[in-house]
Amino acid sequence: MSNNENKPLVLLIDDSIDVHRLLSARLRHEPVRLVSLTRGVDGLEHVRRETPSVILLDLDMPDMDGFEVLRALKDDQATNNIPVIVLSGLHGSEDKVTAFDLGATDYVTKPFDLAELRARLRAALRLDRLLKLLAERADVDGLTGLGNRAHFNKRWAEKVAECRRYGHALSLAMIDIDLFKKVNDTFGHPAGDEVIQGVARLLQTTCRSPDVPCRFGGEEFALIMPNTGPRDAEMVVERLREAMEQIEWPRHPDHRVTLSAGLVGSDSSCGDVTCDQWLERADQNLYAAKHGGRNRVVASDIQRACPLTKAA
């Protein structure tokens, strides 16, 4: 990837070629990649292909004016957080109010002061970075650094949809720390947190790059394994379980901690099986693993009633 591709994308939508030339010259020393388009409809198409960090948007354009473009951007969940700086020759307060009501981040009137525009652009880029950071952290579990329940829900829905539509293999494991309450009660909550963090590190080192490990809640974890049937997924989770047995914990070196897992998967399309039905089957297998003696993996095919592995 080139240095230019690493720069934040600024999309200019303005029907004036003179404005394009002016901003191309005056922003060339800014750490941005400028893409210039003359029509609103072309701008919307470009946004769907590549999300810009900031949009500079003219209001007075033929065919589709800036208000229409702004309304379309803010009505779409995928684009409504993109900062938009309106560039307009319209000085009336009514136009400014309309632009801000539609979701514009800033409003600069033409002819604009270039130093001021650069400063406003930098502020919008900072806003974009902050919004992306907040969105990223909203999906991250604070204790483990893994994806949290919200992240799991989003990614799981995506993977089940792919499995149903394209026939991709898919597996899901629900993983629980055995007798976790005993760790907390005997050795204290810092020891419990240490175990949870240890499982997270184990997931990160044991899993393959396409896998999606998440903290589901408390001492329970979820592992999404795309393009992986239940037999192969069982081997992945078995490695995780075996590795957990070998860990020596600094706060309780004589007390080993184990994992139980319930796994369900499909080698092809899962048909009409819903996300919740997958979860329910994985939970049933986890329950079977717990009641079969703990420290084991119970796996099954989503299309079959019988498990691939026995709980006892």
Protein backbone atom coordinates (compact mmCIF):
# COMPACT_ATOMS: atom_id res chain seq x y z
CA MET A 1 0.00 0.00 0.00
CA SER A 2 1.43 3.41 -0.98
CA ASN A 3 1.84 6.33 1.41
CA ASN A 4 -0.86 8.18 -0.51
CA GLU A 5 -3.34 5.34 0.08
CA ASN A 6 -2.63 5.54 3.82
CA LYS A 7 -3.73 9.18 3.92
CA PRO A 8 -7.31 10.01 4.90
CA LEU A 9 -9.59 10.49 1.90
CA VAL A 10 -11.20 13.90 1.41
CA LEU A 11 -13.98 13.85 -1.18
CA LEU A 12 -14.76 17.16 -2.93
CA ILE A 13 -18.18 17.32 -4.64
CA ASP A 14 -18.50 20.62 -6.49
CA ASP A 15 -19.53 21.46 -10.07
CA SER A 16 -16.91 24.21 -10.33
CA ILE A 17 -13.66 23.10 -12.00
CA ASP A 18 -12.03 26.27 -10.68
CA VAL A 19 -12.74 25.15 -7.10
CA HIS A 20 -11.24 21.75 -7.89
CA ARG A 21 -8.05 23.33 -9.21
CA LEU A 22 -7.81 25.77 -6.33
CA LEU A 23 -8.23 23.16 -3.59
CA SER A 24 -5.99 20.66 -5.35
CA ALA A 25 -3.21 23.27 -5.32
CA ARG A 26 -3.81 24.63 -1.82
CA LEU A 27 -4.31 21.26 -0.09
CA ARG A 28 -1.36 19.51 -1.71
CA HIS A 29 0.77 19.93 1.41
CA GLU A 30 -1.97 18.65 3.72
CA PRO A 31 -1.69 14.95 4.76
CA VAL A 32 -4.83 14.00 2.80
CA ARG A 33 -5.79 12.29 -0.44
CA LEU A 34 -8.16 14.53 -2.40
CA VAL A 35 -10.71 13.07 -4.85
CA SER A 36 -12.73 15.60 -6.86
CA LEU A 37 -16.13 14.97 -8.48
CA THR A 38 -18.55 17.38 -10.17
CA ARG A 39 -21.92 15.66 -9.67
CA GLY A 40 -23.79 14.72 -6.51
CA VAL A 41 -24.88 11.32 -7.82
CA ASP A 42 -21.25 10.45 -8.66
CA GLY A 43 -20.24 11.49 -5.16
CA LEU A 44 -22.79 9.14 -3.58
CA GLU A 45 -21.63 6.27 -5.78
CA HIS A 46 -18.01 6.91 -4.77
CA VAL A 47 -18.93 6.95 -1.07
CA ARG A 48 -20.50 3.50 -1.42
CA ARG A 49 -17.24 2.16 -2.90
CA GLU A 50 -14.83 3.93 -0.55
CA THR A 51 -15.74 5.74 2.64
CA PRO A 52 -14.11 9.18 2.88
CA SER A 53 -12.91 10.73 6.12
CA VAL A 54 -14.42 14.11 5.23
CA ILE A 55 -16.69 15.37 2.43
CA LEU A 56 -16.46 18.93 1.06
CA LEU A 57 -19.88 19.53 -0.48
CA ASP A 58 -21.16 22.33 -2.69
CA LEU A 59 -24.84 23.18 -2.36
CA ASP A 60 -25.63 24.75 -5.71
CA MET A 61 -25.19 21.94 -8.25
CA PRO A 62 -27.31 20.83 -11.24
CA ASP A 63 -29.28 17.57 -11.29
CA MET A 64 -28.79 16.80 -7.59
CA ASP A 65 -28.05 19.70 -5.27
CA GLY A 66 -26.01 19.58 -2.08
CA PHE A 67 -29.06 19.41 0.19
CA GLU A 68 -30.20 16.21 -1.56
CA VAL A 69 -26.73 14.70 -1.30
CA LEU A 70 -26.51 15.61 2.38
CA ARG A 71 -29.95 14.14 3.07
CA ALA A 72 -29.00 10.88 1.31
CA LEU A 73 -25.75 10.63 3.29
CA LYS A 74 -27.42 11.18 6.64
CA ASP A 75 -30.33 8.83 5.89
CA ASP A 76 -27.91 5.94 5.31
CA GLN A 77 -26.57 4.27 8.46
CA ALA A 78 -23.34 3.38 6.66
CA THR A 79 -22.53 7.02 5.85
CA ASN A 80 -24.33 9.17 8.41
CA ASN A 81 -21.23 9.67 10.60
CA ILE A 82 -19.02 11.06 7.82
CA PRO A 83 -18.22 14.73 8.62
CA VAL A 84 -19.52 17.02 5.86
CA ILE A 85 -18.25 20.57 5.35
CA VAL A 86 -20.63 22.53 3.17
CA LEU A 87 -19.02 24.93 0.66
CA SER A 88 -21.59 27.39 -0.59
CA GLY A 89 -22.04 30.74 -2.25
CA LEU A 90 -25.37 30.99 -0.41
CA HIS A 91 -24.94 33.36 2.53
CA GLY A 92 -28.48 33.34 3.90
CA SER A 93 -29.05 32.07 7.44
CA GLU A 94 -31.93 29.89 6.22
CA ASP A 95 -29.57 27.82 4.04
CA LYS A 96 -27.10 27.45 6.90
CA VAL A 97 -29.86 26.33 9.28
CA THR A 98 -31.11 23.79 6.72
CA ALA A 99 -27.62 22.41 6.18
CA PHE A 100 -26.97 22.03 9.91
CA ASP A 101 -30.42 20.51 10.48
CA LEU A 102 -29.63 17.93 7.79
CA GLY A 103 -26.42 16.99 9.61
CA ALA A 104 -23.63 19.15 8.17
CA THR A 105 -20.55 19.42 10.42
CA ASP A 106 -19.50 22.87 9.20
CA TYR A 107 -20.52 25.58 6.71
CA VAL A 108 -18.03 27.72 4.76
CA THR A 109 -19.20 30.46 2.41
CA LYS A 110 -17.57 31.26 -0.93
CA PRO A 111 -15.25 32.93 -1.67
CA PHE A 112 -13.59 31.22 1.29
CA ASP A 113 -10.43 32.04 3.17
CA LEU A 114 -8.08 29.14 2.38
CA ALA A 115 -6.26 29.23 5.73
CA GLU A 116 -9.61 29.06 7.51
CA LEU A 117 -10.79 26.20 5.27
CA ARG A 118 -7.63 24.21 6.01
CA ALA A 119 -8.18 24.73 9.75
CA ARG A 120 -11.81 23.61 9.48
CA LEU A 121 -10.76 20.59 7.44
CA ARG A 122 -8.22 19.58 10.09
CA ALA A 123 -10.93 19.90 12.76
CA ALA A 124 -13.26 17.67 10.71
CA LEU A 125 -10.49 15.09 10.28
CA ARG A 126 -9.94 15.07 14.05
CA LEU A 127 -13.67 14.52 14.51
CA ASP A 128 -13.57 11.61 12.06
CA ARG A 129 -10.66 10.00 13.94
CA LEU A 130 -12.48 10.43 17.25
CA LEU A 131 -15.71 8.91 15.90
CA LYS A 132 -13.82 5.91 14.51
CA LEU A 133 -11.98 5.44 17.80
CA LEU A 134 -15.23 5.58 19.78
CA ALA A 135 -16.89 3.11 17.40
CA GLU A 136 -13.93 0.76 17.73
CA ARG A 137 -13.88 0.95 21.51
CA ALA A 138 -17.64 0.45 21.70
CA ASP A 139 -17.07 -3.03 20.27
CA VAL A 140 -14.11 -3.92 22.53
CA ASP A 141 -14.30 -5.60 25.93
CA GLY A 142 -12.35 -3.47 28.40
CA LEU A 143 -10.87 -6.33 30.45
CA THR A 144 -9.70 -8.63 27.66
CA GLY A 145 -9.34 -6.51 24.52
CA LEU A 146 -11.50 -9.03 22.64
CA GLY A 147 -14.69 -8.10 20.83
CA ASN A 148 -17.59 -7.66 23.23
CA ARG A 149 -21.17 -8.96 23.01
CA ALA A 150 -22.20 -6.16 20.62
CA HIS A 151 -19.27 -7.00 18.35
CA PHE A 152 -20.17 -10.68 18.48
CA ASN A 153 -23.81 -10.01 17.56
CA LYS A 154 -22.77 -7.96 14.53
CA ARG A 155 -20.13 -10.37 13.22
CA TRP A 156 -22.23 -13.46 13.93
CA ALA A 157 -25.17 -12.10 11.93
CA GLU A 158 -22.79 -11.39 9.03
CA LYS A 159 -21.29 -14.89 9.06
CA VAL A 160 -24.62 -16.71 9.32
CA ALA A 161 -25.92 -14.65 6.38
CA GLU A 162 -22.84 -15.64 4.33
CA CYS A 163 -23.32 -19.29 5.27
CA ARG A 164 -26.96 -19.22 4.18
CA ARG A 165 -26.37 -17.26 0.98
CA TYR A 166 -23.12 -18.71 -0.34
CA GLY A 167 -22.98 -22.12 1.32
CA HIS A 168 -19.78 -21.32 3.22
CA ALA A 169 -18.81 -23.64 6.07
CA LEU A 170 -19.22 -22.09 9.51
CA SER A 171 -18.78 -23.12 13.15
CA LEU A 172 -19.48 -21.52 16.51
CA ALA A 173 -18.05 -22.48 19.90
CA MET A 174 -19.36 -21.28 23.24
CA ILE A 175 -16.55 -21.64 25.79
CA ASP A 176 -16.92 -21.42 29.57
CA ILE A 177 -14.33 -21.40 32.37
CA ASP A 178 -14.99 -24.37 34.65
CA LEU A 179 -15.75 -23.63 38.32
CA PHE A 180 -14.89 -19.97 37.85
CA LYS A 181 -16.76 -18.90 40.99
CA LYS A 182 -14.41 -21.07 43.02
CA VAL A 183 -11.43 -19.12 41.65
CA ASN A 184 -13.01 -15.82 42.69
CA ASP A 185 -14.15 -17.07 46.10
CA THR A 186 -10.88 -18.82 46.97
CA PHE A 187 -8.21 -16.59 45.47
CA GLY A 188 -10.02 -13.25 45.02
CA HIS A 189 -11.37 -11.25 42.10
CA PRO A 190 -7.92 -10.12 40.85
CA ALA A 191 -7.12 -13.82 40.35
CA GLY A 192 -10.42 -14.24 38.51
CA ASP A 193 -9.63 -11.30 36.24
CA GLU A 194 -6.21 -12.81 35.59
CA VAL A 195 -7.81 -16.07 34.44
CA ILE A 196 -10.27 -14.27 32.15
CA GLN A 197 -7.39 -12.30 30.61
CA GLY A 198 -5.39 -15.50 30.25
CA VAL A 199 -8.20 -17.18 28.31
CA ALA A 200 -8.39 -14.13 26.05
CA ARG A 201 -4.65 -14.30 25.33
CA LEU A 202 -4.97 -18.02 24.65
CA LEU A 203 -7.79 -17.39 22.21
CA GLN A 204 -5.75 -14.74 20.41
CA THR A 205 -2.70 -17.00 20.08
CA THR A 206 -4.51 -20.28 19.35
CA CYS A 207 -7.07 -19.05 16.83
CA ARG A 208 -6.46 -18.64 13.10
CA SER A 209 -6.53 -15.17 11.52
CA PRO A 210 -10.12 -15.44 10.11
CA ASP A 211 -11.54 -16.55 13.49
CA VAL A 212 -13.45 -14.06 15.64
CA PRO A 213 -12.95 -14.54 19.40
CA CYS A 214 -15.26 -12.53 21.68
CA ARG A 215 -16.02 -12.22 25.35
CA PHE A 216 -19.68 -13.17 25.47
CA GLY A 217 -20.15 -12.16 29.09
CA GLY A 218 -18.72 -12.99 32.53
CA GLU A 219 -16.53 -16.09 32.21
CA GLU A 220 -18.05 -17.14 28.87
CA PHE A 221 -16.44 -16.65 25.48
CA ALA A 222 -17.64 -17.15 21.91
CA LEU A 223 -15.48 -18.19 18.99
CA ILE A 224 -16.74 -17.72 15.42
CA MET A 225 -14.87 -19.88 12.90
CA PRO A 226 -15.70 -18.90 9.29
CA ASN A 227 -15.10 -21.37 6.44
CA THR A 228 -14.64 -24.14 9.02
CA GLY A 229 -16.77 -27.27 9.36
CA PRO A 230 -17.52 -28.84 12.77
CA ARG A 231 -14.78 -31.50 12.58
CA ASP A 232 -12.00 -29.00 11.90
CA ALA A 233 -13.48 -26.54 14.40
CA GLU A 234 -13.47 -29.24 17.06
CA MET A 235 -9.72 -29.69 16.58
CA VAL A 236 -9.18 -25.93 17.02
CA VAL A 237 -11.18 -25.83 20.26
CA GLU A 238 -9.56 -29.07 21.50
CA ARG A 239 -6.13 -27.42 21.12
CA LEU A 240 -7.42 -24.47 23.12
CA ARG A 241 -8.76 -26.75 25.87
CA GLU A 242 -5.49 -28.72 26.09
CA ALA A 243 -3.41 -25.53 26.21
CA MET A 244 -5.58 -24.18 29.04
CA GLU A 245 -4.85 -27.27 31.15
CA GLN A 246 -1.12 -26.56 30.99
CA ILE A 247 -1.20 -22.97 32.24
CA GLU A 248 0.31 -22.32 35.66
CA TRP A 249 -1.31 -19.27 37.29
CA PRO A 250 0.95 -17.01 39.40
CA ARG A 251 -1.68 -16.39 42.10
CA HIS A 252 -2.60 -20.09 42.46
CA PRO A 253 0.12 -22.26 40.87
CA ASP A 254 -1.27 -25.49 42.39
CA HIS A 255 -4.78 -24.88 41.09
CA ARG A 256 -5.23 -25.51 37.37
CA VAL A 257 -8.18 -24.04 35.46
CA THR A 258 -10.01 -25.87 32.69
CA LEU A 259 -12.49 -25.03 29.94
CA SER A 260 -15.69 -26.62 28.65
CA ALA A 261 -17.01 -25.90 25.18
CA GLY A 262 -20.14 -26.47 23.18
CA LEU A 263 -19.61 -26.36 19.44
CA VAL A 264 -21.94 -26.45 16.47
CA GLY A 265 -21.07 -26.15 12.80
CA SER A 266 -21.97 -26.76 9.19
CA ASP A 267 -19.86 -27.87 6.21
CA SER A 268 -22.16 -26.05 3.79
CA SER A 269 -25.25 -23.84 3.79
CA CYS A 270 -27.09 -23.86 7.11
CA GLY A 271 -30.45 -23.50 5.35
CA ASP A 272 -33.04 -21.62 7.37
CA VAL A 273 -31.29 -21.99 10.73
CA THR A 274 -31.32 -18.61 12.48
CA CYS A 275 -28.56 -16.95 14.50
CA ASP A 276 -30.46 -17.64 17.73
CA GLN A 277 -30.97 -21.30 16.82
CA TRP A 278 -27.21 -21.69 16.28
CA LEU A 279 -26.60 -20.15 19.70
CA GLU A 280 -29.20 -22.35 21.35
CA ARG A 281 -27.62 -25.52 19.91
CA ALA A 282 -24.13 -24.41 20.98
CA ASP A 283 -25.45 -23.69 24.49
CA GLN A 284 -27.04 -27.15 24.63
CA ASN A 285 -23.70 -28.71 23.75
CA LEU A 286 -21.95 -26.57 26.38
CA TYR A 287 -24.50 -27.77 28.94
CA ALA A 288 -23.77 -31.36 27.91
CA ALA A 289 -20.03 -30.77 28.30
CA LYS A 290 -20.51 -29.34 31.78
CA HIS A 291 -22.73 -32.18 32.92
CA GLY A 292 -20.50 -34.77 31.28
CA GLY A 293 -17.67 -33.92 33.65
CA ARG A 294 -16.33 -30.55 32.42
CA ASN A 295 -12.97 -29.98 30.69
CA ARG A 296 -14.25 -31.31 27.38
CA VAL A 297 -15.68 -30.28 24.03
CA VAL A 298 -19.07 -31.43 22.77
CA ALA A 299 -19.59 -30.78 19.05
CA SER A 300 -22.43 -31.35 16.61
CA ASP A 301 -23.52 -30.58 13.06
CA ILE A 302 -26.24 -27.92 12.89
CA GLN A 303 -28.20 -30.11 10.47
CA ARG A 304 -28.07 -33.23 12.66
CA ALA A 305 -29.63 -34.09 15.97
CA CYS A 306 -26.82 -36.34 17.25
CA PRO A 307 -23.51 -34.91 18.52
CA LEU A 308 -20.20 -35.58 16.79
CA THR A 309 -18.63 -36.10 20.21
CA LYS A 310 -20.03 -37.62 23.38
CA ALA A 311 -20.28 -35.69 26.63
CA ALA A 312 -19.33 -38.66 28.76
